[in-house]
Amino acid sequence: MSKVLDFDEYTIAWVAVLPIEAEAALGMLDKKHDGYFETVRGDDYIYIGGELNGHKIVVATWPAGQNYGPGAAAALVNQVKARFPNIPSAPHKIPSLHPAYYSAHSTSSSVHDAS
């Protein structure tokens, strides 16, 4: 019998929008956790627990055949934030990924552009 995994123990989410991304994410884990997360009515997403370099990670994706796109990805991220309280988000002071953040916090005088 599989054990129930605790949402509170996971601190990193890997949101895999495409099925191939979920497969790649699972392949990168050092360990896949045996067990399952309890389901909640109205939440059809798939959460798979594992570890990478000692960090507990949840790979979040949706069932095969479900439509995905920007709106669906945003909905998945919102569910992850609601279900996994110890995964950092804006309230946890994660630095912005906006280019202005990096120019204001850069320690070097040049920024490399891949274009």
PDB file of N, CA and C in Angstrom:
ATOM      1  N   MET A   1       0.842  -1.190   0.000  1.00  0.00           N
ATOM      2  CA  MET A   1       0.000   0.000   0.000  1.00  0.00           C
ATOM      3  C   MET A   1       0.881   1.245   0.000  1.00  0.00           C
ATOM      4  N   SER A   2       0.594   2.161  -0.881  1.00  0.00           N
ATOM      5  CA  SER A   2       1.354   3.410  -0.979  1.00  0.00           C
ATOM      6  C   SER A   2       0.986   4.349   0.153  1.00  0.00           C
ATOM      7  N   LYS A   3       1.957   5.147   0.553  1.00  0.00           N
ATOM      8  CA  LYS A   3       1.679   6.114   1.613  1.00  0.00           C
ATOM      9  C   LYS A   3       1.216   7.437   1.012  1.00  0.00           C
ATOM     10  N   VAL A   4       0.551   8.203   1.842  1.00  0.00           N
ATOM     11  CA  VAL A   4       0.095   9.535   1.441  1.00  0.00           C
ATOM     12  C   VAL A   4       1.260  10.498   1.641  1.00  0.00           C
ATOM     13  N   LEU A   5       1.593  11.235   0.597  1.00  0.00           N
ATOM     14  CA  LEU A   5       2.669  12.217   0.671  1.00  0.00           C
ATOM     15  C   LEU A   5       2.125  13.521   1.249  1.00  0.00           C
ATOM     16  N   ASP A   6       2.972  14.207   2.017  1.00  0.00           N
ATOM     17  CA  ASP A   6       2.575  15.428   2.715  1.00  0.00           C
ATOM     18  C   ASP A   6       2.904  16.665   1.875  1.00  0.00           C
ATOM     19  N   PHE A   7       1.882  17.415   1.513  1.00  0.00           N
ATOM     20  CA  PHE A   7       2.062  18.634   0.723  1.00  0.00           C
ATOM     21  C   PHE A   7       3.061  19.588   1.384  1.00  0.00           C
ATOM     22  N   ASP A   8       3.067  19.636   2.713  1.00  0.00           N
ATOM     23  CA  ASP A   8       3.908  20.579   3.451  1.00  0.00           C
ATOM     24  C   ASP A   8       5.401  20.289   3.341  1.00  0.00           C
ATOM     25  N   GLU A   9       5.779  19.075   2.970  1.00  0.00           N
ATOM     26  CA  GLU A   9       7.192  18.699   2.934  1.00  0.00           C
ATOM     27  C   GLU A   9       7.911  19.136   1.660  1.00  0.00           C
ATOM     28  N   TYR A  10       7.186  19.591   0.676  1.00  0.00           N
ATOM     29  CA  TYR A  10       7.781  19.909  -0.622  1.00  0.00           C
ATOM     30  C   TYR A  10       8.010  21.408  -0.745  1.00  0.00           C
ATOM     31  N   THR A  11       9.227  21.772  -1.173  1.00  0.00           N
ATOM     32  CA  THR A  11       9.606  23.184  -1.209  1.00  0.00           C
ATOM     33  C   THR A  11       9.940  23.698  -2.607  1.00  0.00           C
ATOM     34  N   ILE A  12       9.904  22.810  -3.597  1.00  0.00           N
ATOM     35  CA  ILE A  12      10.176  23.210  -4.981  1.00  0.00           C
ATOM     36  C   ILE A  12       9.137  22.562  -5.881  1.00  0.00           C
ATOM     37  N   ALA A  13       8.591  23.333  -6.804  1.00  0.00           N
ATOM     38  CA  ALA A  13       7.652  22.788  -7.795  1.00  0.00           C
ATOM     39  C   ALA A  13       8.289  22.875  -9.171  1.00  0.00           C
ATOM     40  N   TRP A  14       8.126  21.814  -9.920  1.00  0.00           N
ATOM     41  CA  TRP A  14       8.569  21.777 -11.316  1.00  0.00           C
ATOM     42  C   TRP A  14       7.296  21.640 -12.133  1.00  0.00           C
ATOM     43  N   VAL A  15       6.857  22.717 -12.746  1.00  0.00           N
ATOM     44  CA  VAL A  15       5.627  22.714 -13.531  1.00  0.00           C
ATOM     45  C   VAL A  15       5.976  22.269 -14.947  1.00  0.00           C
ATOM     46  N   ALA A  16       5.418  21.142 -15.338  1.00  0.00           N
ATOM     47  CA  ALA A  16       5.692  20.552 -16.648  1.00  0.00           C
ATOM     48  C   ALA A  16       4.446  20.706 -17.513  1.00  0.00           C
ATOM     49  N   VAL A  17       4.489  21.652 -18.424  1.00  0.00           N
ATOM     50  CA  VAL A  17       3.329  21.962 -19.247  1.00  0.00           C
ATOM     51  C   VAL A  17       3.069  20.870 -20.283  1.00  0.00           C
ATOM     52  N   LEU A  18       4.110  20.386 -20.916  1.00  0.00           N
ATOM     53  CA  LEU A  18       3.970  19.357 -21.942  1.00  0.00           C
ATOM     54  C   LEU A  18       4.300  17.979 -21.373  1.00  0.00           C
ATOM     55  N   PRO A  19       3.680  16.922 -21.891  1.00  0.00           N
ATOM     56  CA  PRO A  19       3.990  15.570 -21.407  1.00  0.00           C
ATOM     57  C   PRO A  19       5.482  15.239 -21.490  1.00  0.00           C
ATOM     58  N   ILE A  20       6.148  15.676 -22.533  1.00  0.00           N
ATOM     59  CA  ILE A  20       7.576  15.390 -22.665  1.00  0.00           C
ATOM     60  C   ILE A  20       8.384  16.118 -21.589  1.00  0.00           C
ATOM     61  N   GLU A  21       7.896  17.281 -21.149  1.00  0.00           N
ATOM     62  CA  GLU A  21       8.560  18.000 -20.057  1.00  0.00           C
ATOM     63  C   GLU A  21       8.411  17.244 -18.743  1.00  0.00           C
ATOM     64  N   ALA A  22       7.240  16.661 -18.519  1.00  0.00           N
ATOM     65  CA  ALA A  22       7.032  15.872 -17.302  1.00  0.00           C
ATOM     66  C   ALA A  22       7.955  14.655 -17.302  1.00  0.00           C
ATOM     67  N   GLU A  23       8.078  13.999 -18.445  1.00  0.00           N
ATOM     68  CA  GLU A  23       8.973  12.845 -18.543  1.00  0.00           C
ATOM     69  C   GLU A  23      10.419  13.257 -18.270  1.00  0.00           C
ATOM     70  N   ALA A  24      10.835  14.383 -18.823  1.00  0.00           N
ATOM     71  CA  ALA A  24      12.196  14.874 -18.599  1.00  0.00           C
ATOM     72  C   ALA A  24      12.412  15.218 -17.129  1.00  0.00           C
ATOM     73  N   ALA A  25      11.438  15.875 -16.516  1.00  0.00           N
ATOM     74  CA  ALA A  25      11.547  16.242 -15.102  1.00  0.00           C
ATOM     75  C   ALA A  25      11.697  14.995 -14.238  1.00  0.00           C
ATOM     76  N   LEU A  26      10.874  14.000 -14.491  1.00  0.00           N
ATOM     77  CA  LEU A  26      10.946  12.767 -13.703  1.00  0.00           C
ATOM     78  C   LEU A  26      12.280  12.062 -13.915  1.00  0.00           C
ATOM     79  N   GLY A  27      12.803  12.131 -15.126  1.00  0.00           N
ATOM     80  CA  GLY A  27      14.095  11.520 -15.408  1.00  0.00           C
ATOM     81  C   GLY A  27      15.252  12.222 -14.724  1.00  0.00           C
ATOM     82  N   MET A  28      15.091  13.488 -14.392  1.00  0.00           N
ATOM     83  CA  MET A  28      16.146  14.257 -13.733  1.00  0.00           C
ATOM     84  C   MET A  28      16.188  14.045 -12.222  1.00  0.00           C
ATOM     85  N   LEU A  29      15.100  13.554 -11.651  1.00  0.00           N
ATOM     86  CA  LEU A  29      15.055  13.367 -10.204  1.00  0.00           C
ATOM     87  C   LEU A  29      16.047  12.297  -9.761  1.00  0.00           C
ATOM     88  N   ASP A  30      16.653  12.506  -8.598  1.00  0.00           N
ATOM     89  CA  ASP A  30      17.516  11.483  -8.009  1.00  0.00           C
ATOM     90  C   ASP A  30      16.681  10.326  -7.484  1.00  0.00           C
ATOM     91  N   LYS A  31      15.484  10.660  -7.025  1.00  0.00           N
ATOM     92  CA  LYS A  31      14.616   9.656  -6.416  1.00  0.00           C
ATOM     93  C   LYS A  31      13.167  10.065  -6.628  1.00  0.00           C
ATOM     94  N   LYS A  32      12.346   9.115  -6.996  1.00  0.00           N
ATOM     95  CA  LYS A  32      10.898   9.343  -7.090  1.00  0.00           C
ATOM     96  C   LYS A  32      10.281   8.773  -5.818  1.00  0.00           C
ATOM     97  N   HIS A  33       9.448   9.545  -5.149  1.00  0.00           N
ATOM     98  CA  HIS A  33       8.845   9.100  -3.895  1.00  0.00           C
ATOM     99  C   HIS A  33       7.711   8.119  -4.151  1.00  0.00           C
ATOM    100  N   ASP A  34       7.713   7.049  -3.375  1.00  0.00           N
ATOM    101  CA  ASP A  34       6.600   6.103  -3.421  1.00  0.00           C
ATOM    102  C   ASP A  34       5.446   6.728  -2.659  1.00  0.00           C
ATOM    103  N   GLY A  35       4.296   6.719  -3.224  1.00  0.00           N
ATOM    104  CA  GLY A  35       3.129   7.281  -2.565  1.00  0.00           C
ATOM    105  C   GLY A  35       2.376   8.207  -3.493  1.00  0.00           C
ATOM    106  N   TYR A  36       1.417   8.885  -2.914  1.00  0.00           N
ATOM    107  CA  TYR A  36       0.547   9.754  -3.699  1.00  0.00           C
ATOM    108  C   TYR A  36       0.099  10.918  -2.831  1.00  0.00           C
ATOM    109  N   PHE A  37      -0.301  11.983  -3.477  1.00  0.00           N
ATOM    110  CA  PHE A  37      -0.886  13.128  -2.786  1.00  0.00           C
ATOM    111  C   PHE A  37      -2.391  12.931  -2.781  1.00  0.00           C
ATOM    112  N   GLU A  38      -3.011  13.228  -1.651  1.00  0.00           N
ATOM    113  CA  GLU A  38      -4.467  13.090  -1.576  1.00  0.00           C
ATOM    114  C   GLU A  38      -5.126  13.989  -2.616  1.00  0.00           C
ATOM    115  N   THR A  39      -6.161  13.466  -3.218  1.00  0.00           N
ATOM    116  CA  THR A  39      -6.879  14.243  -4.224  1.00  0.00           C
ATOM    117  C   THR A  39      -7.937  15.111  -3.560  1.00  0.00           C
ATOM    118  N   VAL A  40      -8.209  16.196  -4.216  1.00  0.00           N
ATOM    119  CA  VAL A  40      -9.231  17.123  -3.756  1.00  0.00           C
ATOM    120  C   VAL A  40     -10.201  17.314  -4.908  1.00  0.00           C
ATOM    121  N   ARG A  41     -11.460  17.323  -4.592  1.00  0.00           N
ATOM    122  CA  ARG A  41     -12.481  17.503  -5.620  1.00  0.00           C
ATOM    123  C   ARG A  41     -12.212  18.771  -6.430  1.00  0.00           C
ATOM    124  N   GLY A  42     -12.255  18.634  -7.738  1.00  0.00           N
ATOM    125  CA  GLY A  42     -12.026  19.773  -8.612  1.00  0.00           C
ATOM    126  C   GLY A  42     -10.569  19.979  -9.001  1.00  0.00           C
ATOM    127  N   ASP A  43      -9.672  19.199  -8.419  1.00  0.00           N
ATOM    128  CA  ASP A  43      -8.250  19.301  -8.752  1.00  0.00           C
ATOM    129  C   ASP A  43      -7.852  18.027  -9.487  1.00  0.00           C
ATOM    130  N   ASP A  44      -7.815  18.090 -10.816  1.00  0.00           N
ATOM    131  CA  ASP A  44      -7.497  16.922 -11.633  1.00  0.00           C
ATOM    132  C   ASP A  44      -6.029  16.858 -12.024  1.00  0.00           C
ATOM    133  N   TYR A  45      -5.219  17.765 -11.507  1.00  0.00           N
ATOM    134  CA  TYR A  45      -3.816  17.794 -11.882  1.00  0.00           C
ATOM    135  C   TYR A  45      -3.076  16.608 -11.272  1.00  0.00           C
ATOM    136  N   ILE A  46      -1.924  16.314 -11.843  1.00  0.00           N
ATOM    137  CA  ILE A  46      -1.101  15.207 -11.370  1.00  0.00           C
ATOM    138  C   ILE A  46       0.106  15.792 -10.653  1.00  0.00           C
ATOM    139  N   TYR A  47       0.354  15.306  -9.443  1.00  0.00           N
ATOM    140  CA  TYR A  47       1.499  15.731  -8.646  1.00  0.00           C
ATOM    141  C   TYR A  47       2.327  14.495  -8.331  1.00  0.00           C
ATOM    142  N   ILE A  48       3.609  14.539  -8.679  1.00  0.00           N
ATOM    143  CA  ILE A  48       4.504  13.417  -8.426  1.00  0.00           C
ATOM    144  C   ILE A  48       5.655  13.929  -7.576  1.00  0.00           C
ATOM    145  N   GLY A  49       5.847  13.324  -6.413  1.00  0.00           N
ATOM    146  CA  GLY A  49       6.890  13.748  -5.498  1.00  0.00           C
ATOM    147  C   GLY A  49       8.207  13.053  -5.764  1.00  0.00           C
ATOM    148  N   GLY A  50       9.283  13.775  -5.487  1.00  0.00           N
ATOM    149  CA  GLY A  50      10.609  13.195  -5.642  1.00  0.00           C
ATOM    150  C   GLY A  50      11.654  14.076  -4.993  1.00  0.00           C
ATOM    151  N   GLU A  51      12.918  13.722  -5.234  1.00  0.00           N
ATOM    152  CA  GLU A  51      14.029  14.484  -4.673  1.00  0.00           C
ATOM    153  C   GLU A  51      15.087  14.738  -5.723  1.00  0.00           C
ATOM    154  N   LEU A  52      15.721  15.883  -5.589  1.00  0.00           N
ATOM    155  CA  LEU A  52      16.844  16.250  -6.432  1.00  0.00           C
ATOM    156  C   LEU A  52      17.842  16.977  -5.549  1.00  0.00           C
ATOM    157  N   ASN A  53      19.027  16.409  -5.424  1.00  0.00           N
ATOM    158  CA  ASN A  53      20.090  16.999  -4.613  1.00  0.00           C
ATOM    159  C   ASN A  53      19.624  17.314  -3.188  1.00  0.00           C
ATOM    160  N   GLY A  54      18.831  16.420  -2.624  1.00  0.00           N
ATOM    161  CA  GLY A  54      18.365  16.575  -1.252  1.00  0.00           C
ATOM    162  C   GLY A  54      17.150  17.462  -1.068  1.00  0.00           C
ATOM    163  N   HIS A  55      16.624  18.022  -2.132  1.00  0.00           N
ATOM    164  CA  HIS A  55      15.445  18.882  -2.056  1.00  0.00           C
ATOM    165  C   HIS A  55      14.205  18.093  -2.454  1.00  0.00           C
ATOM    166  N   LYS A  56      13.142  18.258  -1.693  1.00  0.00           N
ATOM    167  CA  LYS A  56      11.876  17.612  -2.038  1.00  0.00           C
ATOM    168  C   LYS A  56      11.172  18.448  -3.098  1.00  0.00           C
ATOM    169  N   ILE A  57      10.904  17.802  -4.221  1.00  0.00           N
ATOM    170  CA  ILE A  57      10.346  18.467  -5.395  1.00  0.00           C
ATOM    171  C   ILE A  57       9.053  17.792  -5.787  1.00  0.00           C
ATOM    172  N   VAL A  58       8.088  18.589  -6.214  1.00  0.00           N
ATOM    173  CA  VAL A  58       6.873  18.037  -6.796  1.00  0.00           C
ATOM    174  C   VAL A  58       6.860  18.411  -8.274  1.00  0.00           C
ATOM    175  N   VAL A  59       6.664  17.407  -9.112  1.00  0.00           N
ATOM    176  CA  VAL A  59       6.478  17.639 -10.542  1.00  0.00           C
ATOM    177  C   VAL A  59       4.975  17.741 -10.749  1.00  0.00           C
ATOM    178  N   ALA A  60       4.530  18.859 -11.269  1.00  0.00           N
ATOM    179  CA  ALA A  60       3.100  19.111 -11.461  1.00  0.00           C
ATOM    180  C   ALA A  60       2.792  19.142 -12.950  1.00  0.00           C
ATOM    181  N   THR A  61       1.783  18.389 -13.345  1.00  0.00           N
ATOM    182  CA  THR A  61       1.366  18.344 -14.741  1.00  0.00           C
ATOM    183  C   THR A  61      -0.116  18.011 -14.781  1.00  0.00           C
ATOM    184  N   TRP A  62      -0.664  17.753 -15.951  1.00  0.00           N
ATOM    185  CA  TRP A  62      -2.072  17.380 -16.037  1.00  0.00           C
ATOM    186  C   TRP A  62      -2.232  16.089 -16.804  1.00  0.00           C
ATOM    187  N   PRO A  63      -3.406  15.492 -16.679  1.00  0.00           N
ATOM    188  CA  PRO A  63      -3.650  14.200 -17.327  1.00  0.00           C
ATOM    189  C   PRO A  63      -3.493  14.282 -18.847  1.00  0.00           C
ATOM    190  N   ALA A  64      -3.091  13.168 -19.433  1.00  0.00           N
ATOM    191  CA  ALA A  64      -2.953  13.088 -20.888  1.00  0.00           C
ATOM    192  C   ALA A  64      -4.272  13.454 -21.550  1.00  0.00           C
ATOM    193  N   GLY A  65      -4.174  14.194 -22.629  1.00  0.00           N
ATOM    194  CA  GLY A  65      -5.360  14.568 -23.384  1.00  0.00           C
ATOM    195  C   GLY A  65      -5.998  15.868 -22.954  1.00  0.00           C
ATOM    196  N   GLN A  66      -5.584  16.419 -21.822  1.00  0.00           N
ATOM    197  CA  GLN A  66      -6.165  17.684 -21.370  1.00  0.00           C
ATOM    198  C   GLN A  66      -5.555  18.821 -22.185  1.00  0.00           C
ATOM    199  N   ASN A  67      -6.369  19.788 -22.547  1.00  0.00           N
ATOM    200  CA  ASN A  67      -5.881  20.946 -23.294  1.00  0.00           C
ATOM    201  C   ASN A  67      -4.978  21.790 -22.412  1.00  0.00           C
ATOM    202  N   TYR A  68      -3.933  22.311 -23.022  1.00  0.00           N
ATOM    203  CA  TYR A  68      -3.051  23.182 -22.271  1.00  0.00           C
ATOM    204  C   TYR A  68      -2.689  24.385 -23.112  1.00  0.00           C
ATOM    205  N   GLY A  69      -2.317  25.435 -22.428  1.00  0.00           N
ATOM    206  CA  GLY A  69      -1.957  26.706 -23.038  1.00  0.00           C
ATOM    207  C   GLY A  69      -1.655  27.672 -21.915  1.00  0.00           C
ATOM    208  N   PRO A  70      -1.479  28.957 -22.217  1.00  0.00           N
ATOM    209  CA  PRO A  70      -1.128  29.914 -21.168  1.00  0.00           C
ATOM    210  C   PRO A  70      -2.129  29.944 -20.012  1.00  0.00           C
ATOM    211  N   GLY A  71      -3.416  29.916 -20.322  1.00  0.00           N
ATOM    212  CA  GLY A  71      -4.425  29.944 -19.258  1.00  0.00           C
ATOM    213  C   GLY A  71      -4.398  28.687 -18.416  1.00  0.00           C
ATOM    214  N   ALA A  72      -4.225  27.546 -19.070  1.00  0.00           N
ATOM    215  CA  ALA A  72      -4.172  26.278 -18.344  1.00  0.00           C
ATOM    216  C   ALA A  72      -2.918  26.204 -17.481  1.00  0.00           C
ATOM    217  N   ALA A  73      -1.805  26.703 -17.998  1.00  0.00           N
ATOM    218  CA  ALA A  73      -0.568  26.701 -17.221  1.00  0.00           C
ATOM    219  C   ALA A  73      -0.708  27.587 -15.987  1.00  0.00           C
ATOM    220  N   ALA A  74      -1.332  28.741 -16.142  1.00  0.00           N
ATOM    221  CA  ALA A  74      -1.545  29.639 -15.004  1.00  0.00           C
ATOM    222  C   ALA A  74      -2.447  28.988 -13.965  1.00  0.00           C
ATOM    223  N   ALA A  75      -3.468  28.277 -14.410  1.00  0.00           N
ATOM    224  CA  ALA A  75      -4.361  27.585 -13.477  1.00  0.00           C
ATOM    225  C   ALA A  75      -3.606  26.508 -12.710  1.00  0.00           C
ATOM    226  N   LEU A  76      -2.724  25.783 -13.393  1.00  0.00           N
ATOM    227  CA  LEU A  76      -1.925  24.754 -12.727  1.00  0.00           C
ATOM    228  C   LEU A  76      -1.018  25.382 -11.679  1.00  0.00           C
ATOM    229  N   VAL A  77      -0.366  26.468 -12.021  1.00  0.00           N
ATOM    230  CA  VAL A  77       0.511  27.153 -11.068  1.00  0.00           C
ATOM    231  C   VAL A  77      -0.286  27.622  -9.857  1.00  0.00           C
ATOM    232  N   ASN A  78      -1.474  28.159 -10.071  1.00  0.00           N
ATOM    233  CA  ASN A  78      -2.305  28.601  -8.947  1.00  0.00           C
ATOM    234  C   ASN A  78      -2.680  27.436  -8.041  1.00  0.00           C
ATOM    235  N   GLN A  79      -2.975  26.277  -8.620  1.00  0.00           N
ATOM    236  CA  GLN A  79      -3.291  25.098  -7.800  1.00  0.00           C
ATOM    237  C   GLN A  79      -2.076  24.654  -7.004  1.00  0.00           C
ATOM    238  N   VAL A  80      -0.907  24.672  -7.633  1.00  0.00           N
ATOM    239  CA  VAL A  80       0.323  24.290  -6.927  1.00  0.00           C
ATOM    240  C   VAL A  80       0.528  25.217  -5.733  1.00  0.00           C
ATOM    241  N   LYS A  81       0.372  26.518  -5.948  1.00  0.00           N
ATOM    242  CA  LYS A  81       0.549  27.476  -4.856  1.00  0.00           C
ATOM    243  C   LYS A  81      -0.457  27.242  -3.735  1.00  0.00           C
ATOM    244  N   ALA A  82      -1.672  26.842  -4.096  1.00  0.00           N
ATOM    245  CA  ALA A  82      -2.709  26.611  -3.090  1.00  0.00           C
ATOM    246  C   ALA A  82      -2.468  25.319  -2.307  1.00  0.00           C
ATOM    247  N   ARG A  83      -1.943  24.301  -2.960  1.00  0.00           N
ATOM    248  CA  ARG A  83      -1.806  22.984  -2.332  1.00  0.00           C
ATOM    249  C   ARG A  83      -0.488  22.790  -1.594  1.00  0.00           C
ATOM    250  N   PHE A  84       0.562  23.455  -2.029  1.00  0.00           N
ATOM    251  CA  PHE A  84       1.898  23.261  -1.461  1.00  0.00           C
ATOM    252  C   PHE A  84       2.332  24.554  -0.773  1.00  0.00           C
ATOM    253  N   PRO A  85       2.008  24.712   0.512  1.00  0.00           N
ATOM    254  CA  PRO A  85       2.227  25.990   1.191  1.00  0.00           C
ATOM    255  C   PRO A  85       3.690  26.385   1.380  1.00  0.00           C
ATOM    256  N   ASN A  86       4.611  25.444   1.293  1.00  0.00           N
ATOM    257  CA  ASN A  86       6.020  25.770   1.522  1.00  0.00           C
ATOM    258  C   ASN A  86       6.825  25.950   0.245  1.00  0.00           C
ATOM    259  N   ILE A  87       6.121  26.039  -0.870  1.00  0.00           N
ATOM    260  CA  ILE A  87       6.798  26.359  -2.125  1.00  0.00           C
ATOM    261  C   ILE A  87       6.821  27.873  -2.240  1.00  0.00           C
ATOM    262  N   PRO A  88       8.012  28.447  -2.392  1.00  0.00           N
ATOM    263  CA  PRO A  88       8.102  29.906  -2.450  1.00  0.00           C
ATOM    264  C   PRO A  88       7.291  30.511  -3.588  1.00  0.00           C
ATOM    265  N   SER A  89       6.827  31.703  -3.327  1.00  0.00           N
ATOM    266  CA  SER A  89       6.105  32.491  -4.316  1.00  0.00           C
ATOM    267  C   SER A  89       6.364  33.957  -3.983  1.00  0.00           C
ATOM    268  N   ALA A  90       5.703  34.853  -4.649  1.00  0.00           N
ATOM    269  CA  ALA A  90       5.941  36.284  -4.433  1.00  0.00           C
ATOM    270  C   ALA A  90       5.933  36.673  -2.951  1.00  0.00           C
ATOM    271  N   PRO A  91       5.005  36.151  -2.126  1.00  0.00           N
ATOM    272  CA  PRO A  91       5.035  36.523  -0.716  1.00  0.00           C
ATOM    273  C   PRO A  91       6.305  36.068   0.005  1.00  0.00           C
ATOM    274  N   HIS A  92       7.041  35.137  -0.588  1.00  0.00           N
ATOM    275  CA  HIS A  92       8.264  34.640   0.035  1.00  0.00           C
ATOM    276  C   HIS A  92       9.502  35.365  -0.481  1.00  0.00           C
ATOM    277  N   LYS A  93       9.295  36.479  -1.131  1.00  0.00           N
ATOM    278  CA  LYS A  93      10.380  37.365  -1.560  1.00  0.00           C
ATOM    279  C   LYS A  93      11.324  36.737  -2.589  1.00  0.00           C
ATOM    280  N   ILE A  94      10.785  36.032  -3.555  1.00  0.00           N
ATOM    281  CA  ILE A  94      11.610  35.519  -4.645  1.00  0.00           C
ATOM    282  C   ILE A  94      11.980  36.694  -5.539  1.00  0.00           C
ATOM    283  N   PRO A  95      13.252  36.825  -5.920  1.00  0.00           N
ATOM    284  CA  PRO A  95      13.639  37.941  -6.786  1.00  0.00           C
ATOM    285  C   PRO A  95      12.886  37.916  -8.109  1.00  0.00           C
ATOM    286  N   SER A  96      12.635  39.073  -8.614  1.00  0.00           N
ATOM    287  CA  SER A  96      11.952  39.212  -9.899  1.00  0.00           C
ATOM    288  C   SER A  96      12.833  38.698 -11.023  1.00  0.00           C
ATOM    289  N   LEU A  97      12.212  38.131 -12.043  1.00  0.00           N
ATOM    290  CA  LEU A  97      12.951  37.697 -13.221  1.00  0.00           C
ATOM    291  C   LEU A  97      12.964  38.775 -14.296  1.00  0.00           C
ATOM    292  N   HIS A  98      12.416  39.920 -13.978  1.00  0.00           N
ATOM    293  CA  HIS A  98      12.359  41.023 -14.931  1.00  0.00           C
ATOM    294  C   HIS A  98      13.780  41.540 -15.185  1.00  0.00           C
ATOM    295  N   PRO A  99      14.127  41.842 -16.446  1.00  0.00           N
ATOM    296  CA  PRO A  99      15.481  42.324 -16.763  1.00  0.00           C
ATOM    297  C   PRO A  99      15.922  43.524 -15.935  1.00  0.00           C
ATOM    298  N   ALA A 100      14.991  44.385 -15.552  1.00  0.00           N
ATOM    299  CA  ALA A 100      15.352  45.551 -14.746  1.00  0.00           C
ATOM    300  C   ALA A 100      15.924  45.129 -13.397  1.00  0.00           C
ATOM    301  N   TYR A 101      15.459  44.010 -12.863  1.00  0.00           N
ATOM    302  CA  TYR A 101      15.986  43.510 -11.591  1.00  0.00           C
ATOM    303  C   TYR A 101      17.469  43.203 -11.739  1.00  0.00           C
ATOM    304  N   TYR A 102      17.813  42.520 -12.824  1.00  0.00           N
ATOM    305  CA  TYR A 102      19.196  42.112 -13.016  1.00  0.00           C
ATOM    306  C   TYR A 102      20.111  43.291 -13.285  1.00  0.00           C
ATOM    307  N   SER A 103      19.637  44.287 -14.012  1.00  0.00           N
ATOM    308  CA  SER A 103      20.492  45.446 -14.261  1.00  0.00           C
ATOM    309  C   SER A 103      20.707  46.231 -12.971  1.00  0.00           C
ATOM    310  N   ALA A 104      19.716  46.258 -12.102  1.00  0.00           N
ATOM    311  CA  ALA A 104      19.844  46.979 -10.837  1.00  0.00           C
ATOM    312  C   ALA A 104      20.683  46.216  -9.821  1.00  0.00           C
ATOM    313  N   HIS A 105      20.749  44.880  -9.957  1.00  0.00           N
ATOM    314  CA  HIS A 105      21.455  44.054  -8.979  1.00  0.00           C
ATOM    315  C   HIS A 105      22.690  43.376  -9.559  1.00  0.00           C
ATOM    316  N   SER A 106      23.124  43.801 -10.711  1.00  0.00           N
ATOM    317  CA  SER A 106      24.261  43.169 -11.382  1.00  0.00           C
ATOM    318  C   SER A 106      25.554  43.506 -10.659  1.00  0.00           C
ATOM    319  N   THR A 107      26.433  42.492 -10.543  1.00  0.00           N
ATOM    320  CA  THR A 107      27.738  42.726  -9.926  1.00  0.00           C
ATOM    321  C   THR A 107      28.812  42.980 -10.972  1.00  0.00           C
ATOM    322  N   SER A 108      28.464  42.774 -12.243  1.00  0.00           N
ATOM    323  CA  SER A 108      29.430  43.064 -13.304  1.00  0.00           C
ATOM    324  C   SER A 108      28.880  44.190 -14.173  1.00  0.00           C
ATOM    325  N   SER A 109      29.755  44.782 -14.939  1.00  0.00           N
ATOM    326  CA  SER A 109      29.327  45.915 -15.755  1.00  0.00           C
ATOM    327  C   SER A 109      28.743  45.498 -17.091  1.00  0.00           C
ATOM    328  N   SER A 110      28.853  44.228 -17.448  1.00  0.00           N
ATOM    329  CA  SER A 110      28.311  43.807 -18.738  1.00  0.00           C
ATOM    330  C   SER A 110      27.290  42.698 -18.556  1.00  0.00           C
ATOM    331  N   VAL A 111      26.334  42.701 -19.458  1.00  0.00           N
ATOM    332  CA  VAL A 111      25.313  41.663 -19.489  1.00  0.00           C
ATOM    333  C   VAL A 111      25.435  40.990 -20.841  1.00  0.00           C
ATOM    334  N   HIS A 112      25.508  39.675 -20.844  1.00  0.00           N
ATOM    335  CA  HIS A 112      25.653  38.942 -22.099  1.00  0.00           C
ATOM    336  C   HIS A 112      24.298  38.722 -22.725  1.00  0.00           C
ATOM    337  N   ASP A 113      24.205  39.000 -24.007  1.00  0.00           N
ATOM    338  CA  ASP A 113      22.969  38.824 -24.759  1.00  0.00           C
ATOM    339  C   ASP A 113      23.197  37.733 -25.783  1.00  0.00           C
ATOM    340  N   ALA A 114      22.300  36.741 -25.811  1.00  0.00           N
ATOM    341  CA  ALA A 114      22.444  35.610 -26.723  1.00  0.00           C
ATOM    342  C   ALA A 114      21.984  35.931 -28.137  1.00  0.00           C
ATOM    343  N   SER A 115      21.447  37.114 -28.367  1.00  0.00           N
ATOM    344  CA  SER A 115      20.928  37.423 -29.710  1.00  0.00           C
ATOM    345  C   SER A 115      22.013  37.807 -30.680  1.00  0.00           C
TER     346      SER A 115
END
